Amino acid sequence: MDKELHALIEAFKGSEEYIRFLKAKKKVSEFPGLQEQIDRFRSVWYRLQSNSDADLFEKIEHVEAEYAKLRENPYVQEFLASELAVCRMFQKVNWAILKNLDFDTDFLKDNY
């Protein structure tokens, strides 16, 4: 299994999505403090997505307004878009593995 896992990791590393992400990450690193700003936004956004408060839409609007200027930066846009593409690639692989193994995921249908 270690050999196969290593091959899968190498396939991820060679993917267009991951290479695009690494380029975006490198570009962001050229601007002092920018990665920290992005990380604060990512942290807040992640907590919002995991939240089930009744006033969620109000909180989302607040975060979008607070980070609007940061998100206008084309390097930030590229970083976030490329990160999302890598995450979607992970999800696609995970779901493909689950769907092709005898592993019941029907209980998740109502959640996604």
PDB file of N, CA and C in Angstrom:
ATOM      1  N   MET A   1       0.821  -1.206   0.000  1.00  0.00           N
ATOM      2  CA  MET A   1       0.000   0.000   0.000  1.00  0.00           C
ATOM      3  C   MET A   1       0.859   1.262   0.000  1.00  0.00           C
ATOM      4  N   ASP A   2       2.015   1.220   0.624  1.00  0.00           N
ATOM      5  CA  ASP A   2       2.871   2.409   0.657  1.00  0.00           C
ATOM      6  C   ASP A   2       3.292   2.841  -0.746  1.00  0.00           C
ATOM      7  N   LYS A   3       3.563   1.868  -1.598  1.00  0.00           N
ATOM      8  CA  LYS A   3       3.969   2.170  -2.977  1.00  0.00           C
ATOM      9  C   LYS A   3       2.828   2.870  -3.717  1.00  0.00           C
ATOM     10  N   GLU A   4       1.624   2.365  -3.553  1.00  0.00           N
ATOM     11  CA  GLU A   4       0.464   2.943  -4.220  1.00  0.00           C
ATOM     12  C   GLU A   4       0.146   4.329  -3.674  1.00  0.00           C
ATOM     13  N   LEU A   5       0.287   4.480  -2.357  1.00  0.00           N
ATOM     14  CA  LEU A   5       0.051   5.784  -1.737  1.00  0.00           C
ATOM     15  C   LEU A   5       1.067   6.807  -2.242  1.00  0.00           C
ATOM     16  N   HIS A   6       2.301   6.397  -2.339  1.00  0.00           N
ATOM     17  CA  HIS A   6       3.341   7.291  -2.864  1.00  0.00           C
ATOM     18  C   HIS A   6       3.024   7.696  -4.309  1.00  0.00           C
ATOM     19  N   ALA A   7       2.556   6.752  -5.106  1.00  0.00           N
ATOM     20  CA  ALA A   7       2.194   7.046  -6.503  1.00  0.00           C
ATOM     21  C   ALA A   7       1.037   8.039  -6.556  1.00  0.00           C
ATOM     22  N   LEU A   8       0.056   7.878  -5.674  1.00  0.00           N
ATOM     23  CA  LEU A   8      -1.071   8.816  -5.628  1.00  0.00           C
ATOM     24  C   LEU A   8      -0.599  10.213  -5.242  1.00  0.00           C
ATOM     25  N   ILE A   9       0.268  10.288  -4.258  1.00  0.00           N
ATOM     26  CA  ILE A   9       0.806  11.589  -3.834  1.00  0.00           C
ATOM     27  C   ILE A   9       1.574  12.241  -4.979  1.00  0.00           C
ATOM     28  N   GLU A  10       2.375  11.477  -5.676  1.00  0.00           N
ATOM     29  CA  GLU A  10       3.125  12.012  -6.819  1.00  0.00           C
ATOM     30  C   GLU A  10       2.179  12.483  -7.922  1.00  0.00           C
ATOM     31  N   ALA A  11       1.083  11.759  -8.106  1.00  0.00           N
ATOM     32  CA  ALA A  11       0.092  12.180  -9.104  1.00  0.00           C
ATOM     33  C   ALA A  11      -0.518  13.522  -8.708  1.00  0.00           C
ATOM     34  N   PHE A  12      -0.815  13.692  -7.431  1.00  0.00           N
ATOM     35  CA  PHE A  12      -1.329  14.980  -6.957  1.00  0.00           C
ATOM     36  C   PHE A  12      -0.311  16.081  -7.205  1.00  0.00           C
ATOM     37  N   LYS A  13       0.939  15.819  -6.867  1.00  0.00           N
ATOM     38  CA  LYS A  13       1.995  16.821  -7.037  1.00  0.00           C
ATOM     39  C   LYS A  13       2.160  17.235  -8.497  1.00  0.00           C
ATOM     40  N   GLY A  14       1.898  16.321  -9.415  1.00  0.00           N
ATOM     41  CA  GLY A  14       2.047  16.628 -10.836  1.00  0.00           C
ATOM     42  C   GLY A  14       0.797  17.189 -11.484  1.00  0.00           C
ATOM     43  N   SER A  15      -0.274  17.301 -10.723  1.00  0.00           N
ATOM     44  CA  SER A  15      -1.539  17.784 -11.300  1.00  0.00           C
ATOM     45  C   SER A  15      -1.474  19.280 -11.612  1.00  0.00           C
ATOM     46  N   GLU A  16      -2.234  19.679 -12.622  1.00  0.00           N
ATOM     47  CA  GLU A  16      -2.317  21.095 -12.988  1.00  0.00           C
ATOM     48  C   GLU A  16      -2.791  21.933 -11.809  1.00  0.00           C
ATOM     49  N   GLU A  17      -3.768  21.390 -11.071  1.00  0.00           N
ATOM     50  CA  GLU A  17      -4.338  22.130  -9.942  1.00  0.00           C
ATOM     51  C   GLU A  17      -3.281  22.429  -8.883  1.00  0.00           C
ATOM     52  N   TYR A  18      -2.488  21.415  -8.542  1.00  0.00           N
ATOM     53  CA  TYR A  18      -1.493  21.602  -7.492  1.00  0.00           C
ATOM     54  C   TYR A  18      -0.362  22.522  -7.951  1.00  0.00           C
ATOM     55  N   ILE A  19       0.060  22.357  -9.187  1.00  0.00           N
ATOM     56  CA  ILE A  19       1.118  23.222  -9.732  1.00  0.00           C
ATOM     57  C   ILE A  19       0.639  24.672  -9.763  1.00  0.00           C
ATOM     58  N   ARG A  20      -0.601  24.891 -10.155  1.00  0.00           N
ATOM     59  CA  ARG A  20      -1.183  26.241 -10.164  1.00  0.00           C
ATOM     60  C   ARG A  20      -1.197  26.808  -8.746  1.00  0.00           C
ATOM     61  N   PHE A  21      -1.581  25.964  -7.768  1.00  0.00           N
ATOM     62  CA  PHE A  21      -1.616  26.389  -6.367  1.00  0.00           C
ATOM     63  C   PHE A  21      -0.216  26.784  -5.884  1.00  0.00           C
ATOM     64  N   LEU A  22       0.788  25.975  -6.192  1.00  0.00           N
ATOM     65  CA  LEU A  22       2.152  26.291  -5.754  1.00  0.00           C
ATOM     66  C   LEU A  22       2.635  27.614  -6.344  1.00  0.00           C
ATOM     67  N   LYS A  23       2.299  27.865  -7.614  1.00  0.00           N
ATOM     68  CA  LYS A  23       2.676  29.138  -8.244  1.00  0.00           C
ATOM     69  C   LYS A  23       1.999  30.315  -7.546  1.00  0.00           C
ATOM     70  N   ALA A  24       0.718  30.151  -7.238  1.00  0.00           N
ATOM     71  CA  ALA A  24      -0.021  31.218  -6.550  1.00  0.00           C
ATOM     72  C   ALA A  24       0.546  31.451  -5.154  1.00  0.00           C
ATOM     73  N   LYS A  25       0.866  30.370  -4.466  1.00  0.00           N
ATOM     74  CA  LYS A  25       1.438  30.470  -3.117  1.00  0.00           C
ATOM     75  C   LYS A  25       2.786  31.192  -3.160  1.00  0.00           C
ATOM     76  N   LYS A  26       3.611  30.871  -4.163  1.00  0.00           N
ATOM     77  CA  LYS A  26       4.914  31.517  -4.308  1.00  0.00           C
ATOM     78  C   LYS A  26       4.747  33.019  -4.577  1.00  0.00           C
ATOM     79  N   LYS A  27       3.810  33.360  -5.439  1.00  0.00           N
ATOM     80  CA  LYS A  27       3.581  34.775  -5.760  1.00  0.00           C
ATOM     81  C   LYS A  27       3.121  35.535  -4.518  1.00  0.00           C
ATOM     82  N   VAL A  28       2.221  34.945  -3.756  1.00  0.00           N
ATOM     83  CA  VAL A  28       1.731  35.583  -2.532  1.00  0.00           C
ATOM     84  C   VAL A  28       2.877  35.807  -1.549  1.00  0.00           C
ATOM     85  N   SER A  29       3.813  34.854  -1.486  1.00  0.00           N
ATOM     86  CA  SER A  29       4.931  34.966  -0.541  1.00  0.00           C
ATOM     87  C   SER A  29       5.855  36.140  -0.846  1.00  0.00           C
ATOM     88  N   GLU A  30       5.756  36.690  -2.050  1.00  0.00           N
ATOM     89  CA  GLU A  30       6.578  37.837  -2.435  1.00  0.00           C
ATOM     90  C   GLU A  30       6.114  39.135  -1.780  1.00  0.00           C
ATOM     91  N   PHE A  31       4.943  39.113  -1.158  1.00  0.00           N
ATOM     92  CA  PHE A  31       4.376  40.307  -0.535  1.00  0.00           C
ATOM     93  C   PHE A  31       4.279  40.085   0.976  1.00  0.00           C
ATOM     94  N   PRO A  32       5.155  40.725   1.745  1.00  0.00           N
ATOM     95  CA  PRO A  32       5.170  40.510   3.193  1.00  0.00           C
ATOM     96  C   PRO A  32       3.799  40.755   3.831  1.00  0.00           C
ATOM     97  N   GLY A  33       3.391  39.806   4.634  1.00  0.00           N
ATOM     98  CA  GLY A  33       2.139  39.934   5.374  1.00  0.00           C
ATOM     99  C   GLY A  33       0.901  39.481   4.624  1.00  0.00           C
ATOM    100  N   LEU A  34       1.005  39.278   3.318  1.00  0.00           N
ATOM    101  CA  LEU A  34      -0.181  38.926   2.536  1.00  0.00           C
ATOM    102  C   LEU A  34      -0.696  37.531   2.897  1.00  0.00           C
ATOM    103  N   GLN A  35       0.209  36.575   3.081  1.00  0.00           N
ATOM    104  CA  GLN A  35      -0.230  35.227   3.442  1.00  0.00           C
ATOM    105  C   GLN A  35      -0.957  35.232   4.782  1.00  0.00           C
ATOM    106  N   GLU A  36      -0.487  36.036   5.711  1.00  0.00           N
ATOM    107  CA  GLU A  36      -1.145  36.126   7.015  1.00  0.00           C
ATOM    108  C   GLU A  36      -2.561  36.684   6.878  1.00  0.00           C
ATOM    109  N   GLN A  37      -2.733  37.675   6.023  1.00  0.00           N
ATOM    110  CA  GLN A  37      -4.065  38.240   5.780  1.00  0.00           C
ATOM    111  C   GLN A  37      -4.982  37.188   5.148  1.00  0.00           C
ATOM    112  N   ILE A  38      -4.444  36.467   4.182  1.00  0.00           N
ATOM    113  CA  ILE A  38      -5.223  35.407   3.531  1.00  0.00           C
ATOM    114  C   ILE A  38      -5.603  34.349   4.557  1.00  0.00           C
ATOM    115  N   ASP A  39      -4.660  33.969   5.405  1.00  0.00           N
ATOM    116  CA  ASP A  39      -4.924  32.936   6.408  1.00  0.00           C
ATOM    117  C   ASP A  39      -6.001  33.366   7.400  1.00  0.00           C
ATOM    118  N   ARG A  40      -6.010  34.638   7.765  1.00  0.00           N
ATOM    119  CA  ARG A  40      -7.077  35.135   8.662  1.00  0.00           C
ATOM    120  C   ARG A  40      -8.431  35.009   7.965  1.00  0.00           C
ATOM    121  N   PHE A  41      -8.476  35.417   6.694  1.00  0.00           N
ATOM    122  CA  PHE A  41      -9.718  35.290   5.930  1.00  0.00           C
ATOM    123  C   PHE A  41     -10.144  33.826   5.831  1.00  0.00           C
ATOM    124  N   ARG A  42      -9.207  32.944   5.491  1.00  0.00           N
ATOM    125  CA  ARG A  42      -9.517  31.518   5.368  1.00  0.00           C
ATOM    126  C   ARG A  42     -10.051  30.951   6.679  1.00  0.00           C
ATOM    127  N   SER A  43      -9.458  31.352   7.778  1.00  0.00           N
ATOM    128  CA  SER A  43      -9.893  30.871   9.090  1.00  0.00           C
ATOM    129  C   SER A  43     -11.315  31.326   9.406  1.00  0.00           C
ATOM    130  N   VAL A  44     -11.581  32.596   9.186  1.00  0.00           N
ATOM    131  CA  VAL A  44     -12.925  33.137   9.440  1.00  0.00           C
ATOM    132  C   VAL A  44     -13.940  32.468   8.516  1.00  0.00           C
ATOM    133  N   TRP A  45     -13.581  32.325   7.248  1.00  0.00           N
ATOM    134  CA  TRP A  45     -14.498  31.736   6.270  1.00  0.00           C
ATOM    135  C   TRP A  45     -14.782  30.271   6.612  1.00  0.00           C
ATOM    136  N   TYR A  46     -13.756  29.541   7.041  1.00  0.00           N
ATOM    137  CA  TYR A  46     -13.940  28.139   7.424  1.00  0.00           C
ATOM    138  C   TYR A  46     -14.897  28.025   8.610  1.00  0.00           C
ATOM    139  N   ARG A  47     -14.699  28.866   9.601  1.00  0.00           N
ATOM    140  CA  ARG A  47     -15.598  28.837  10.767  1.00  0.00           C
ATOM    141  C   ARG A  47     -17.021  29.178  10.369  1.00  0.00           C
ATOM    142  N   LEU A  48     -17.196  30.096   9.425  1.00  0.00           N
ATOM    143  CA  LEU A  48     -18.538  30.429   8.941  1.00  0.00           C
ATOM    144  C   LEU A  48     -19.190  29.228   8.254  1.00  0.00           C
ATOM    145  N   GLN A  49     -18.426  28.534   7.442  1.00  0.00           N
ATOM    146  CA  GLN A  49     -18.967  27.387   6.721  1.00  0.00           C
ATOM    147  C   GLN A  49     -19.344  26.251   7.666  1.00  0.00           C
ATOM    148  N   SER A  50     -18.707  26.195   8.811  1.00  0.00           N
ATOM    149  CA  SER A  50     -18.983  25.140   9.792  1.00  0.00           C
ATOM    150  C   SER A  50     -20.051  25.566  10.782  1.00  0.00           C
ATOM    151  N   ASN A  51     -20.598  26.742  10.597  1.00  0.00           N
ATOM    152  CA  ASN A  51     -21.539  27.337  11.532  1.00  0.00           C
ATOM    153  C   ASN A  51     -22.972  27.100  11.072  1.00  0.00           C
ATOM    154  N   SER A  52     -23.855  26.936  12.017  1.00  0.00           N
ATOM    155  CA  SER A  52     -25.275  26.755  11.668  1.00  0.00           C
ATOM    156  C   SER A  52     -26.151  27.796  12.363  1.00  0.00           C
ATOM    157  N   ASP A  53     -25.590  28.951  12.648  1.00  0.00           N
ATOM    158  CA  ASP A  53     -26.358  30.023  13.292  1.00  0.00           C
ATOM    159  C   ASP A  53     -27.504  30.497  12.408  1.00  0.00           C
ATOM    160  N   ALA A  54     -28.529  30.976  13.051  1.00  0.00           N
ATOM    161  CA  ALA A  54     -29.687  31.513  12.329  1.00  0.00           C
ATOM    162  C   ALA A  54     -29.316  32.777  11.559  1.00  0.00           C
ATOM    163  N   ASP A  55     -28.376  33.536  12.076  1.00  0.00           N
ATOM    164  CA  ASP A  55     -27.970  34.788  11.423  1.00  0.00           C
ATOM    165  C   ASP A  55     -26.739  34.591  10.535  1.00  0.00           C
ATOM    166  N   LEU A  56     -26.622  33.426   9.931  1.00  0.00           N
ATOM    167  CA  LEU A  56     -25.461  33.093   9.113  1.00  0.00           C
ATOM    168  C   LEU A  56     -25.295  34.041   7.925  1.00  0.00           C
ATOM    169  N   PHE A  57     -26.384  34.365   7.252  1.00  0.00           N
ATOM    170  CA  PHE A  57     -26.286  35.258   6.089  1.00  0.00           C
ATOM    171  C   PHE A  57     -25.766  36.634   6.492  1.00  0.00           C
ATOM    172  N   GLU A  58     -26.179  37.108   7.628  1.00  0.00           N
ATOM    173  CA  GLU A  58     -25.686  38.399   8.129  1.00  0.00           C
ATOM    174  C   GLU A  58     -24.188  38.319   8.400  1.00  0.00           C
ATOM    175  N   LYS A  59     -23.743  37.223   8.986  1.00  0.00           N
ATOM    176  CA  LYS A  59     -22.318  37.042   9.266  1.00  0.00           C
ATOM    177  C   LYS A  59     -21.512  36.947   7.977  1.00  0.00           C
ATOM    178  N   ILE A  60     -22.057  36.252   7.003  1.00  0.00           N
ATOM    179  CA  ILE A  60     -21.377  36.129   5.709  1.00  0.00           C
ATOM    180  C   ILE A  60     -21.222  37.504   5.068  1.00  0.00           C
ATOM    181  N   GLU A  61     -22.282  38.293   5.076  1.00  0.00           N
ATOM    182  CA  GLU A  61     -22.209  39.647   4.514  1.00  0.00           C
ATOM    183  C   GLU A  61     -21.158  40.475   5.229  1.00  0.00           C
ATOM    184  N   HIS A  62     -21.091  40.339   6.541  1.00  0.00           N
ATOM    185  CA  HIS A  62     -20.101  41.085   7.329  1.00  0.00           C
ATOM    186  C   HIS A  62     -18.678  40.678   6.933  1.00  0.00           C
ATOM    187  N   VAL A  63     -18.417  39.377   6.836  1.00  0.00           N
ATOM    188  CA  VAL A  63     -17.084  38.894   6.469  1.00  0.00           C
ATOM    189  C   VAL A  63     -16.740  39.314   5.045  1.00  0.00           C
ATOM    190  N   GLU A  64     -17.685  39.209   4.136  1.00  0.00           N
ATOM    191  CA  GLU A  64     -17.433  39.623   2.756  1.00  0.00           C
ATOM    192  C   GLU A  64     -17.083  41.108   2.685  1.00  0.00           C
ATOM    193  N   ALA A  65     -17.780  41.919   3.459  1.00  0.00           N
ATOM    194  CA  ALA A  65     -17.488  43.356   3.476  1.00  0.00           C
ATOM    195  C   ALA A  65     -16.129  43.627   4.109  1.00  0.00           C
ATOM    196  N   GLU A  66     -15.839  42.931   5.197  1.00  0.00           N
ATOM    197  CA  GLU A  66     -14.576  43.133   5.917  1.00  0.00           C
ATOM    198  C   GLU A  66     -13.360  42.770   5.057  1.00  0.00           C
ATOM    199  N   TYR A  67     -13.496  41.737   4.262  1.00  0.00           N
ATOM    200  CA  TYR A  67     -12.368  41.248   3.467  1.00  0.00           C
ATOM    201  C   TYR A  67     -12.472  41.596   1.982  1.00  0.00           C
ATOM    202  N   ALA A  68     -13.381  42.484   1.614  1.00  0.00           N
ATOM    203  CA  ALA A  68     -13.594  42.836   0.207  1.00  0.00           C
ATOM    204  C   ALA A  68     -12.326  43.379  -0.443  1.00  0.00           C
ATOM    205  N   LYS A  69     -11.645  44.271   0.233  1.00  0.00           N
ATOM    206  CA  LYS A  69     -10.435  44.867  -0.352  1.00  0.00           C
ATOM    207  C   LYS A  69      -9.356  43.801  -0.562  1.00  0.00           C
ATOM    208  N   LEU A  70      -9.176  42.932   0.409  1.00  0.00           N
ATOM    209  CA  LEU A  70      -8.193  41.857   0.279  1.00  0.00           C
ATOM    210  C   LEU A  70      -8.534  40.971  -0.916  1.00  0.00           C
ATOM    211  N   ARG A  71      -9.806  40.636  -1.065  1.00  0.00           N
ATOM    212  CA  ARG A  71     -10.234  39.716  -2.123  1.00  0.00           C
ATOM    213  C   ARG A  71     -10.190  40.360  -3.507  1.00  0.00           C
ATOM    214  N   GLU A  72     -10.035  41.677  -3.580  1.00  0.00           N
ATOM    215  CA  GLU A  72      -9.870  42.359  -4.874  1.00  0.00           C
ATOM    216  C   GLU A  72      -8.468  42.153  -5.441  1.00  0.00           C
ATOM    217  N   ASN A  73      -7.526  41.808  -4.590  1.00  0.00           N
ATOM    218  CA  ASN A  73      -6.147  41.597  -5.009  1.00  0.00           C
ATOM    219  C   ASN A  73      -6.085  40.382  -5.942  1.00  0.00           C
ATOM    220  N   PRO A  74      -5.568  40.545  -7.169  1.00  0.00           N
ATOM    221  CA  PRO A  74      -5.547  39.422  -8.114  1.00  0.00           C
ATOM    222  C   PRO A  74      -4.709  38.235  -7.634  1.00  0.00           C
ATOM    223  N   TYR A  75      -3.677  38.487  -6.831  1.00  0.00           N
ATOM    224  CA  TYR A  75      -2.863  37.389  -6.306  1.00  0.00           C
ATOM    225  C   TYR A  75      -3.641  36.608  -5.249  1.00  0.00           C
ATOM    226  N   VAL A  76      -4.438  37.311  -4.477  1.00  0.00           N
ATOM    227  CA  VAL A  76      -5.298  36.655  -3.489  1.00  0.00           C
ATOM    228  C   VAL A  76      -6.368  35.849  -4.206  1.00  0.00           C
ATOM    229  N   GLN A  77      -6.957  36.435  -5.224  1.00  0.00           N
ATOM    230  CA  GLN A  77      -7.978  35.726  -6.002  1.00  0.00           C
ATOM    231  C   GLN A  77      -7.415  34.435  -6.584  1.00  0.00           C
ATOM    232  N   GLU A  78      -6.234  34.518  -7.162  1.00  0.00           N
ATOM    233  CA  GLU A  78      -5.613  33.332  -7.761  1.00  0.00           C
ATOM    234  C   GLU A  78      -5.275  32.290  -6.691  1.00  0.00           C
ATOM    235  N   PHE A  79      -4.759  32.747  -5.554  1.00  0.00           N
ATOM    236  CA  PHE A  79      -4.438  31.816  -4.473  1.00  0.00           C
ATOM    237  C   PHE A  79      -5.691  31.080  -4.012  1.00  0.00           C
ATOM    238  N   LEU A  80      -6.751  31.821  -3.734  1.00  0.00           N
ATOM    239  CA  LEU A  80      -7.988  31.208  -3.240  1.00  0.00           C
ATOM    240  C   LEU A  80      -8.628  30.294  -4.294  1.00  0.00           C
ATOM    241  N   ALA A  81      -8.613  30.714  -5.547  1.00  0.00           N
ATOM    242  CA  ALA A  81      -9.185  29.892  -6.615  1.00  0.00           C
ATOM    243  C   ALA A  81      -8.382  28.604  -6.802  1.00  0.00           C
ATOM    244  N   SER A  82      -7.068  28.705  -6.759  1.00  0.00           N
ATOM    245  CA  SER A  82      -6.237  27.517  -6.941  1.00  0.00           C
ATOM    246  C   SER A  82      -6.343  26.591  -5.733  1.00  0.00           C
ATOM    247  N   GLU A  83      -6.464  27.162  -4.551  1.00  0.00           N
ATOM    248  CA  GLU A  83      -6.655  26.344  -3.346  1.00  0.00           C
ATOM    249  C   GLU A  83      -7.978  25.573  -3.440  1.00  0.00           C
ATOM    250  N   LEU A  84      -9.018  26.249  -3.888  1.00  0.00           N
ATOM    251  CA  LEU A  84     -10.314  25.607  -4.052  1.00  0.00           C
ATOM    252  C   LEU A  84     -10.240  24.468  -5.075  1.00  0.00           C
ATOM    253  N   ALA A  85      -9.498  24.679  -6.148  1.00  0.00           N
ATOM    254  CA  ALA A  85      -9.348  23.635  -7.171  1.00  0.00           C
ATOM    255  C   ALA A  85      -8.646  22.401  -6.591  1.00  0.00           C
ATOM    256  N   VAL A  86      -7.645  22.617  -5.762  1.00  0.00           N
ATOM    257  CA  VAL A  86      -6.953  21.486  -5.116  1.00  0.00           C
ATOM    258  C   VAL A  86      -7.902  20.770  -4.158  1.00  0.00           C
ATOM    259  N   CYS A  87      -8.670  21.523  -3.382  1.00  0.00           N
ATOM    260  CA  CYS A  87      -9.634  20.912  -2.456  1.00  0.00           C
ATOM    261  C   CYS A  87     -10.679  20.098  -3.211  1.00  0.00           C
ATOM    262  N   ARG A  88     -11.147  20.616  -4.326  1.00  0.00           N
ATOM    263  CA  ARG A  88     -12.132  19.878  -5.135  1.00  0.00           C
ATOM    264  C   ARG A  88     -11.518  18.610  -5.720  1.00  0.00           C
ATOM    265  N   MET A  89     -10.241  18.674  -6.065  1.00  0.00           N
ATOM    266  CA  MET A  89      -9.545  17.489  -6.558  1.00  0.00           C
ATOM    267  C   MET A  89      -9.494  16.429  -5.457  1.00  0.00           C
ATOM    268  N   PHE A  90      -9.176  16.833  -4.229  1.00  0.00           N
ATOM    269  CA  PHE A  90      -9.169  15.901  -3.097  1.00  0.00           C
ATOM    270  C   PHE A  90     -10.548  15.281  -2.905  1.00  0.00           C
ATOM    271  N   GLN A  91     -11.576  16.117  -2.949  1.00  0.00           N
ATOM    272  CA  GLN A  91     -12.942  15.621  -2.779  1.00  0.00           C
ATOM    273  C   GLN A  91     -13.304  14.613  -3.868  1.00  0.00           C
ATOM    274  N   LYS A  92     -12.949  14.933  -5.094  1.00  0.00           N
ATOM    275  CA  LYS A  92     -13.269  14.053  -6.220  1.00  0.00           C
ATOM    276  C   LYS A  92     -12.605  12.688  -6.041  1.00  0.00           C
ATOM    277  N   VAL A  93     -11.352  12.692  -5.627  1.00  0.00           N
ATOM    278  CA  VAL A  93     -10.632  11.439  -5.404  1.00  0.00           C
ATOM    279  C   VAL A  93     -11.255  10.670  -4.247  1.00  0.00           C
ATOM    280  N   ASN A  94     -11.556  11.365  -3.155  1.00  0.00           N
ATOM    281  CA  ASN A  94     -12.168  10.697  -1.997  1.00  0.00           C
ATOM    282  C   ASN A  94     -13.493  10.043  -2.372  1.00  0.00           C
ATOM    283  N   TRP A  95     -14.338  10.790  -3.074  1.00  0.00           N
ATOM    284  CA  TRP A  95     -15.638  10.242  -3.457  1.00  0.00           C
ATOM    285  C   TRP A  95     -15.499   9.101  -4.453  1.00  0.00           C
ATOM    286  N   ALA A  96     -14.544   9.203  -5.375  1.00  0.00           N
ATOM    287  CA  ALA A  96     -14.325   8.115  -6.339  1.00  0.00           C
ATOM    288  C   ALA A  96     -13.887   6.846  -5.622  1.00  0.00           C
ATOM    289  N   ILE A  97     -13.021   6.987  -4.641  1.00  0.00           N
ATOM    290  CA  ILE A  97     -12.579   5.826  -3.867  1.00  0.00           C
ATOM    291  C   ILE A  97     -13.759   5.222  -3.119  1.00  0.00           C
ATOM    292  N   LEU A  98     -14.520   6.061  -2.434  1.00  0.00           N
ATOM    293  CA  LEU A  98     -15.661   5.550  -1.666  1.00  0.00           C
ATOM    294  C   LEU A  98     -16.702   4.883  -2.563  1.00  0.00           C
ATOM    295  N   LYS A  99     -16.968   5.477  -3.715  1.00  0.00           N
ATOM    296  CA  LYS A  99     -17.978   4.935  -4.620  1.00  0.00           C
ATOM    297  C   LYS A  99     -17.547   3.601  -5.227  1.00  0.00           C
ATOM    298  N   ASN A 100     -16.254   3.391  -5.357  1.00  0.00           N
ATOM    299  CA  ASN A 100     -15.759   2.189  -6.009  1.00  0.00           C
ATOM    300  C   ASN A 100     -15.348   1.082  -5.039  1.00  0.00           C
ATOM    301  N   LEU A 101     -15.529   1.320  -3.771  1.00  0.00           N
ATOM    302  CA  LEU A 101     -15.295   0.300  -2.758  1.00  0.00           C
ATOM    303  C   LEU A 101     -16.635  -0.075  -2.146  1.00  0.00           C
ATOM    304  N   ASP A 102     -16.698  -1.214  -1.552  1.00  0.00           N
ATOM    305  CA  ASP A 102     -17.923  -1.647  -0.889  1.00  0.00           C
ATOM    306  C   ASP A 102     -17.992  -0.970   0.480  1.00  0.00           C
ATOM    307  N   PHE A 103     -18.268   0.318   0.429  1.00  0.00           N
ATOM    308  CA  PHE A 103     -18.319   1.145   1.641  1.00  0.00           C
ATOM    309  C   PHE A 103     -19.557   2.011   1.547  1.00  0.00           C
ATOM    310  N   ASP A 104     -20.482   1.803   2.434  1.00  0.00           N
ATOM    311  CA  ASP A 104     -21.789   2.463   2.384  1.00  0.00           C
ATOM    312  C   ASP A 104     -21.686   3.939   2.759  1.00  0.00           C
ATOM    313  N   THR A 105     -22.083   4.810   1.833  1.00  0.00           N
ATOM    314  CA  THR A 105     -22.119   6.249   2.099  1.00  0.00           C
ATOM    315  C   THR A 105     -23.525   6.812   1.934  1.00  0.00           C
ATOM    316  N   ASP A 106     -24.505   5.946   1.809  1.00  0.00           N
ATOM    317  CA  ASP A 106     -25.877   6.412   1.604  1.00  0.00           C
ATOM    318  C   ASP A 106     -26.377   7.296   2.740  1.00  0.00           C
ATOM    319  N   PHE A 107     -25.853   7.094   3.935  1.00  0.00           N
ATOM    320  CA  PHE A 107     -26.282   7.894   5.073  1.00  0.00           C
ATOM    321  C   PHE A 107     -25.900   9.369   4.918  1.00  0.00           C
ATOM    322  N   LEU A 108     -25.014   9.673   4.003  1.00  0.00           N
ATOM    323  CA  LEU A 108     -24.567  11.047   3.788  1.00  0.00           C
ATOM    324  C   LEU A 108     -25.428  11.822   2.804  1.00  0.00           C
ATOM    325  N   LYS A 109     -26.308  11.137   2.080  1.00  0.00           N
ATOM    326  CA  LYS A 109     -27.075  11.784   1.022  1.00  0.00           C
ATOM    327  C   LYS A 109     -27.848  13.010   1.501  1.00  0.00           C
ATOM    328  N   ASP A 110     -28.385  12.970   2.691  1.00  0.00           N
ATOM    329  CA  ASP A 110     -29.157  14.099   3.200  1.00  0.00           C
ATOM    330  C   ASP A 110     -28.279  15.269   3.630  1.00  0.00           C
ATOM    331  N   ASN A 111     -26.977  15.034   3.778  1.00  0.00           N
ATOM    332  CA  ASN A 111     -26.070  16.062   4.274  1.00  0.00           C
ATOM    333  C   ASN A 111     -25.351  16.815   3.167  1.00  0.00           C
ATOM    334  N   TYR A 112     -25.400  16.316   1.924  1.00  0.00           N
ATOM    335  CA  TYR A 112     -24.642  16.968   0.848  1.00  0.00           C
ATOM    336  C   TYR A 112     -25.481  17.176  -0.358  1.00  0.00           C
TER     337      TYR A 112
END
